[in-house]
Amino acid sequence: MDLNLFRRDQIYFVEKDNKTGVSDLYSLDDFSPRKSENIQKGYLQGRNGAVPVVNFKDIEW
C-alpha cells in the first residue's frame, strides 16, 4: 500500500460482520489520509476499520 503507486480511490478494504455474514466494501478515499501518511502502518494498526489479522477461532464453521 503505497500512495506513490496507487491513488486513494484504488485501495479498498473489506470488513465482514460475522453475525450477519454481510461484507462492507469501502475505499481508502473515504478516510482522506495525508499523502505523507504511512498507509500500510495505519492498516496494520486497524485505523481504517478493516481487521488486518483474521482470527480463525472467532469464525463459526
PDB file of N, CA and C in Angstrom:
ATOM      1  N   MET A   1       0.843  -1.172   0.000  1.00  0.00           N
ATOM      2  CA  MET A   1       0.000   0.000   0.000  1.00  0.00           C
ATOM      3  C   MET A   1       0.890   1.237   0.000  1.00  0.00           C
ATOM      4  N   ASP A   2       0.978   1.841  -1.135  1.00  0.00           N
ATOM      5  CA  ASP A   2       1.846   2.997  -1.283  1.00  0.00           C
ATOM      6  C   ASP A   2       1.128   4.034  -2.135  1.00  0.00           C
ATOM      7  N   LEU A   3       0.980   5.230  -1.619  1.00  0.00           N
ATOM      8  CA  LEU A   3       0.286   6.275  -2.361  1.00  0.00           C
ATOM      9  C   LEU A   3       1.115   6.794  -3.531  1.00  0.00           C
ATOM     10  N   ASN A   4       2.374   6.384  -3.622  1.00  0.00           N
ATOM     11  CA  ASN A   4       3.168   6.712  -4.809  1.00  0.00           C
ATOM     12  C   ASN A   4       2.835   5.773  -5.964  1.00  0.00           C
ATOM     13  N   LEU A   5       2.279   4.608  -5.647  1.00  0.00           N
ATOM     14  CA  LEU A   5       1.921   3.630  -6.670  1.00  0.00           C
ATOM     15  C   LEU A   5       0.426   3.608  -6.978  1.00  0.00           C
ATOM     16  N   PHE A   6      -0.393   3.848  -5.957  1.00  0.00           N
ATOM     17  CA  PHE A   6      -1.844   3.791  -6.106  1.00  0.00           C
ATOM     18  C   PHE A   6      -2.490   5.087  -5.660  1.00  0.00           C
ATOM     19  N   ARG A   7      -3.632   5.401  -6.254  1.00  0.00           N
ATOM     20  CA  ARG A   7      -4.434   6.528  -5.775  1.00  0.00           C
ATOM     21  C   ARG A   7      -5.275   6.039  -4.602  1.00  0.00           C
ATOM     22  N   ARG A   8      -5.753   6.973  -3.795  1.00  0.00           N
ATOM     23  CA  ARG A   8      -6.572   6.606  -2.632  1.00  0.00           C
ATOM     24  C   ARG A   8      -7.855   5.894  -3.037  1.00  0.00           C
ATOM     25  N   ASP A   9      -8.378   6.195  -4.209  1.00  0.00           N
ATOM     26  CA  ASP A   9      -9.613   5.548  -4.660  1.00  0.00           C
ATOM     27  C   ASP A   9      -9.365   4.176  -5.280  1.00  0.00           C
ATOM     28  N   GLN A  10      -8.099   3.730  -5.327  1.00  0.00           N
ATOM     29  CA  GLN A  10      -7.775   2.410  -5.860  1.00  0.00           C
ATOM     30  C   GLN A  10      -7.497   1.390  -4.760  1.00  0.00           C
ATOM     31  N   ILE A  11      -7.488   1.819  -3.507  1.00  0.00           N
ATOM     32  CA  ILE A  11      -7.235   0.919  -2.386  1.00  0.00           C
ATOM     33  C   ILE A  11      -8.559   0.711  -1.654  1.00  0.00           C
ATOM     34  N   TYR A  12      -8.971  -0.545  -1.537  1.00  0.00           N
ATOM     35  CA  TYR A  12     -10.246  -0.875  -0.903  1.00  0.00           C
ATOM     36  C   TYR A  12     -10.040  -1.802   0.287  1.00  0.00           C
ATOM     37  N   PHE A  13     -10.959  -1.698   1.228  1.00  0.00           N
ATOM     38  CA  PHE A  13     -10.963  -2.541   2.414  1.00  0.00           C
ATOM     39  C   PHE A  13     -12.297  -3.281   2.473  1.00  0.00           C
ATOM     40  N   VAL A  14     -12.266  -4.468   3.036  1.00  0.00           N
ATOM     41  CA  VAL A  14     -13.483  -5.255   3.219  1.00  0.00           C
ATOM     42  C   VAL A  14     -13.574  -5.640   4.690  1.00  0.00           C
ATOM     43  N   GLU A  15     -14.753  -5.447   5.250  1.00  0.00           N
ATOM     44  CA  GLU A  15     -14.984  -5.835   6.637  1.00  0.00           C
ATOM     45  C   GLU A  15     -16.260  -6.668   6.669  1.00  0.00           C
ATOM     46  N   LYS A  16     -16.164  -7.842   7.264  1.00  0.00           N
ATOM     47  CA  LYS A  16     -17.306  -8.752   7.302  1.00  0.00           C
ATOM     48  C   LYS A  16     -17.898  -8.809   8.702  1.00  0.00           C
ATOM     49  N   ASP A  17     -19.207  -8.743   8.762  1.00  0.00           N
ATOM     50  CA  ASP A  17     -19.924  -8.891  10.023  1.00  0.00           C
ATOM     51  C   ASP A  17     -20.170 -10.384  10.225  1.00  0.00           C
ATOM     52  N   ASN A  18     -19.544 -10.969  11.246  1.00  0.00           N
ATOM     53  CA  ASN A  18     -19.658 -12.419  11.461  1.00  0.00           C
ATOM     54  C   ASN A  18     -21.067 -12.851  11.842  1.00  0.00           C
ATOM     55  N   LYS A  19     -21.850 -11.969  12.424  1.00  0.00           N
ATOM     56  CA  LYS A  19     -23.216 -12.342  12.823  1.00  0.00           C
ATOM     57  C   LYS A  19     -24.156 -12.432  11.633  1.00  0.00           C
ATOM     58  N   THR A  20     -24.082 -11.459  10.723  1.00  0.00           N
ATOM     59  CA  THR A  20     -24.997 -11.433   9.590  1.00  0.00           C
ATOM     60  C   THR A  20     -24.390 -12.006   8.320  1.00  0.00           C
ATOM     61  N   GLY A  21     -23.053 -12.068   8.253  1.00  0.00           N
ATOM     62  CA  GLY A  21     -22.376 -12.549   7.055  1.00  0.00           C
ATOM     63  C   GLY A  21     -22.265 -11.500   5.965  1.00  0.00           C
ATOM     64  N   VAL A  22     -22.677 -10.272   6.264  1.00  0.00           N
ATOM     65  CA  VAL A  22     -22.642  -9.192   5.283  1.00  0.00           C
ATOM     66  C   VAL A  22     -21.258  -8.554   5.270  1.00  0.00           C
ATOM     67  N   SER A  23     -20.714  -8.340   4.079  1.00  0.00           N
ATOM     68  CA  SER A  23     -19.418  -7.688   3.932  1.00  0.00           C
ATOM     69  C   SER A  23     -19.615  -6.242   3.510  1.00  0.00           C
ATOM     70  N   ASP A  24     -18.786  -5.364   4.052  1.00  0.00           N
ATOM     71  CA  ASP A  24     -18.828  -3.947   3.733  1.00  0.00           C
ATOM     72  C   ASP A  24     -17.550  -3.594   2.995  1.00  0.00           C
ATOM     73  N   LEU A  25     -17.672  -3.003   1.817  1.00  0.00           N
ATOM     74  CA  LEU A  25     -16.538  -2.621   0.987  1.00  0.00           C
ATOM     75  C   LEU A  25     -16.444  -1.108   0.961  1.00  0.00           C
ATOM     76  N   TYR A  26     -15.259  -0.567   1.272  1.00  0.00           N
ATOM     77  CA  TYR A  26     -15.089   0.881   1.243  1.00  0.00           C
ATOM     78  C   TYR A  26     -13.678   1.234   0.837  1.00  0.00           C
ATOM     79  N   SER A  27     -13.534   2.431   0.319  1.00  0.00           N
ATOM     80  CA  SER A  27     -12.275   2.900  -0.240  1.00  0.00           C
ATOM     81  C   SER A  27     -11.453   3.660   0.792  1.00  0.00           C
ATOM     82  N   LEU A  28     -10.158   3.676   0.607  1.00  0.00           N
ATOM     83  CA  LEU A  28      -9.273   4.480   1.433  1.00  0.00           C
ATOM     84  C   LEU A  28      -9.609   5.955   1.279  1.00  0.00           C
ATOM     85  N   ASP A  29     -10.150   6.324   0.149  1.00  0.00           N
ATOM     86  CA  ASP A  29     -10.528   7.708  -0.114  1.00  0.00           C
ATOM     87  C   ASP A  29     -11.577   8.212   0.879  1.00  0.00           C
ATOM     88  N   ASP A  30     -12.343   7.299   1.473  1.00  0.00           N
ATOM     89  CA  ASP A  30     -13.335   7.683   2.490  1.00  0.00           C
ATOM     90  C   ASP A  30     -12.677   8.253   3.741  1.00  0.00           C
ATOM     91  N   PHE A  31     -11.401   7.944   3.959  1.00  0.00           N
ATOM     92  CA  PHE A  31     -10.691   8.384   5.163  1.00  0.00           C
ATOM     93  C   PHE A  31      -9.830   9.627   4.934  1.00  0.00           C
ATOM     94  N   SER A  32      -9.586  10.003   3.698  1.00  0.00           N
ATOM     95  CA  SER A  32      -8.776  11.172   3.331  1.00  0.00           C
ATOM     96  C   SER A  32      -7.429  11.230   4.044  1.00  0.00           C
ATOM     97  N   PRO A  33      -6.589  10.218   3.859  1.00  0.00           N
ATOM     98  CA  PRO A  33      -5.264  10.243   4.502  1.00  0.00           C
ATOM     99  C   PRO A  33      -4.349  11.284   3.850  1.00  0.00           C
ATOM    100  N   ARG A  34      -3.389  11.751   4.606  1.00  0.00           N
ATOM    101  CA  ARG A  34      -2.390  12.676   4.059  1.00  0.00           C
ATOM    102  C   ARG A  34      -1.484  11.926   3.097  1.00  0.00           C
ATOM    103  N   LYS A  35      -0.917  12.636   2.158  1.00  0.00           N
ATOM    104  CA  LYS A  35      -0.019  11.993   1.179  1.00  0.00           C
ATOM    105  C   LYS A  35       1.230  11.425   1.837  1.00  0.00           C
ATOM    106  N   SER A  36       1.663  12.030   2.949  1.00  0.00           N
ATOM    107  CA  SER A  36       2.863  11.560   3.630  1.00  0.00           C
ATOM    108  C   SER A  36       2.577  10.447   4.650  1.00  0.00           C
ATOM    109  N   GLU A  37       1.304  10.125   4.860  1.00  0.00           N
ATOM    110  CA  GLU A  37       0.931   9.122   5.860  1.00  0.00           C
ATOM    111  C   GLU A  37       1.313   7.718   5.394  1.00  0.00           C
ATOM    112  N   ASN A  38       1.795   6.896   6.318  1.00  0.00           N
ATOM    113  CA  ASN A  38       2.139   5.510   6.022  1.00  0.00           C
ATOM    114  C   ASN A  38       0.847   4.682   6.067  1.00  0.00           C
ATOM    115  N   ILE A  39       0.310   4.399   4.898  1.00  0.00           N
ATOM    116  CA  ILE A  39      -0.984   3.714   4.783  1.00  0.00           C
ATOM    117  C   ILE A  39      -0.896   2.289   5.309  1.00  0.00           C
ATOM    118  N   GLN A  40       0.174   1.589   5.011  1.00  0.00           N
ATOM    119  CA  GLN A  40       0.324   0.200   5.454  1.00  0.00           C
ATOM    120  C   GLN A  40       0.383   0.122   6.975  1.00  0.00           C
ATOM    121  N   LYS A  41       1.112   1.011   7.597  1.00  0.00           N
ATOM    122  CA  LYS A  41       1.208   1.029   9.054  1.00  0.00           C
ATOM    123  C   LYS A  41      -0.170   1.309   9.683  1.00  0.00           C
ATOM    124  N   GLY A  42      -0.893   2.251   9.118  1.00  0.00           N
ATOM    125  CA  GLY A  42      -2.231   2.559   9.613  1.00  0.00           C
ATOM    126  C   GLY A  42      -3.173   1.382   9.476  1.00  0.00           C
ATOM    127  N   TYR A  43      -3.074   0.661   8.360  1.00  0.00           N
ATOM    128  CA  TYR A  43      -3.904  -0.523   8.155  1.00  0.00           C
ATOM    129  C   TYR A  43      -3.607  -1.588   9.203  1.00  0.00           C
ATOM    130  N   LEU A  44      -2.327  -1.849   9.428  1.00  0.00           N
ATOM    131  CA  LEU A  44      -1.949  -2.877  10.409  1.00  0.00           C
ATOM    132  C   LEU A  44      -2.348  -2.480  11.835  1.00  0.00           C
ATOM    133  N   GLN A  45      -2.469  -1.197  12.110  1.00  0.00           N
ATOM    134  CA  GLN A  45      -2.924  -0.729  13.418  1.00  0.00           C
ATOM    135  C   GLN A  45      -4.442  -0.710  13.518  1.00  0.00           C
ATOM    136  N   GLY A  46      -5.142  -1.007  12.420  1.00  0.00           N
ATOM    137  CA  GLY A  46      -6.601  -1.047  12.425  1.00  0.00           C
ATOM    138  C   GLY A  46      -7.249   0.315  12.309  1.00  0.00           C
ATOM    139  N   ARG A  47      -6.520   1.321  11.845  1.00  0.00           N
ATOM    140  CA  ARG A  47      -7.049   2.681  11.730  1.00  0.00           C
ATOM    141  C   ARG A  47      -8.189   2.808  10.734  1.00  0.00           C
ATOM    142  N   ASN A  48      -8.217   1.949   9.743  1.00  0.00           N
ATOM    143  CA  ASN A  48      -9.205   2.082   8.678  1.00  0.00           C
ATOM    144  C   ASN A  48     -10.434   1.206   8.876  1.00  0.00           C
ATOM    145  N   GLY A  49     -10.514   0.549  10.002  1.00  0.00           N
ATOM    146  CA  GLY A  49     -11.691  -0.242  10.303  1.00  0.00           C
ATOM    147  C   GLY A  49     -11.606  -1.695   9.884  1.00  0.00           C
ATOM    148  N   ALA A  50     -10.916  -1.991   8.796  1.00  0.00           N
ATOM    149  CA  ALA A  50     -10.792  -3.375   8.368  1.00  0.00           C
ATOM    150  C   ALA A  50      -9.815  -4.093   9.297  1.00  0.00           C
ATOM    151  N   VAL A  51     -10.092  -5.347   9.590  1.00  0.00           N
ATOM    152  CA  VAL A  51      -9.256  -6.110  10.509  1.00  0.00           C
ATOM    153  C   VAL A  51      -8.068  -6.671   9.736  1.00  0.00           C
ATOM    154  N   PRO A  52      -6.831  -6.280  10.093  1.00  0.00           N
ATOM    155  CA  PRO A  52      -5.677  -6.737   9.332  1.00  0.00           C
ATOM    156  C   PRO A  52      -5.303  -8.198   9.572  1.00  0.00           C
ATOM    157  N   VAL A  53      -5.706  -8.782  10.697  1.00  0.00           N
ATOM    158  CA  VAL A  53      -5.374 -10.161  11.019  1.00  0.00           C
ATOM    159  C   VAL A  53      -6.674 -10.904  11.305  1.00  0.00           C
ATOM    160  N   VAL A  54      -6.870 -11.994  10.604  1.00  0.00           N
ATOM    161  CA  VAL A  54      -8.082 -12.788  10.803  1.00  0.00           C
ATOM    162  C   VAL A  54      -7.833 -13.781  11.923  1.00  0.00           C
ATOM    163  N   ASN A  55      -8.718 -13.810  12.902  1.00  0.00           N
ATOM    164  CA  ASN A  55      -8.642 -14.770  13.991  1.00  0.00           C
ATOM    165  C   ASN A  55      -9.604 -15.905  13.656  1.00  0.00           C
ATOM    166  N   PHE A  56      -9.090 -17.015  13.200  1.00  0.00           N
ATOM    167  CA  PHE A  56      -9.927 -18.115  12.757  1.00  0.00           C
ATOM    168  C   PHE A  56     -10.701 -18.769  13.906  1.00  0.00           C
ATOM    169  N   LYS A  57     -10.304 -18.527  15.143  1.00  0.00           N
ATOM    170  CA  LYS A  57     -11.050 -19.075  16.278  1.00  0.00           C
ATOM    171  C   LYS A  57     -12.421 -18.438  16.409  1.00  0.00           C
ATOM    172  N   ASP A  58     -12.567 -17.184  15.931  1.00  0.00           N
ATOM    173  CA  ASP A  58     -13.841 -16.460  16.035  1.00  0.00           C
ATOM    174  C   ASP A  58     -14.839 -16.826  14.936  1.00  0.00           C
ATOM    175  N   ILE A  59     -14.377 -17.560  13.924  1.00  0.00           N
ATOM    176  CA  ILE A  59     -15.241 -17.906  12.804  1.00  0.00           C
ATOM    177  C   ILE A  59     -15.980 -19.198  13.114  1.00  0.00           C
ATOM    178  N   GLU A  60     -17.295 -19.145  12.938  1.00  0.00           N
ATOM    179  CA  GLU A  60     -18.107 -20.349  13.130  1.00  0.00           C
ATOM    180  C   GLU A  60     -18.192 -21.103  11.820  1.00  0.00           C
ATOM    181  N   TRP A  61     -17.706 -22.323  11.771  1.00  0.00           N
ATOM    182  CA  TRP A  61     -17.703 -23.124  10.549  1.00  0.00           C
ATOM    183  C   TRP A  61     -18.911 -23.945  10.479  1.00  0.00           C
TER     184      TRP A  61
END
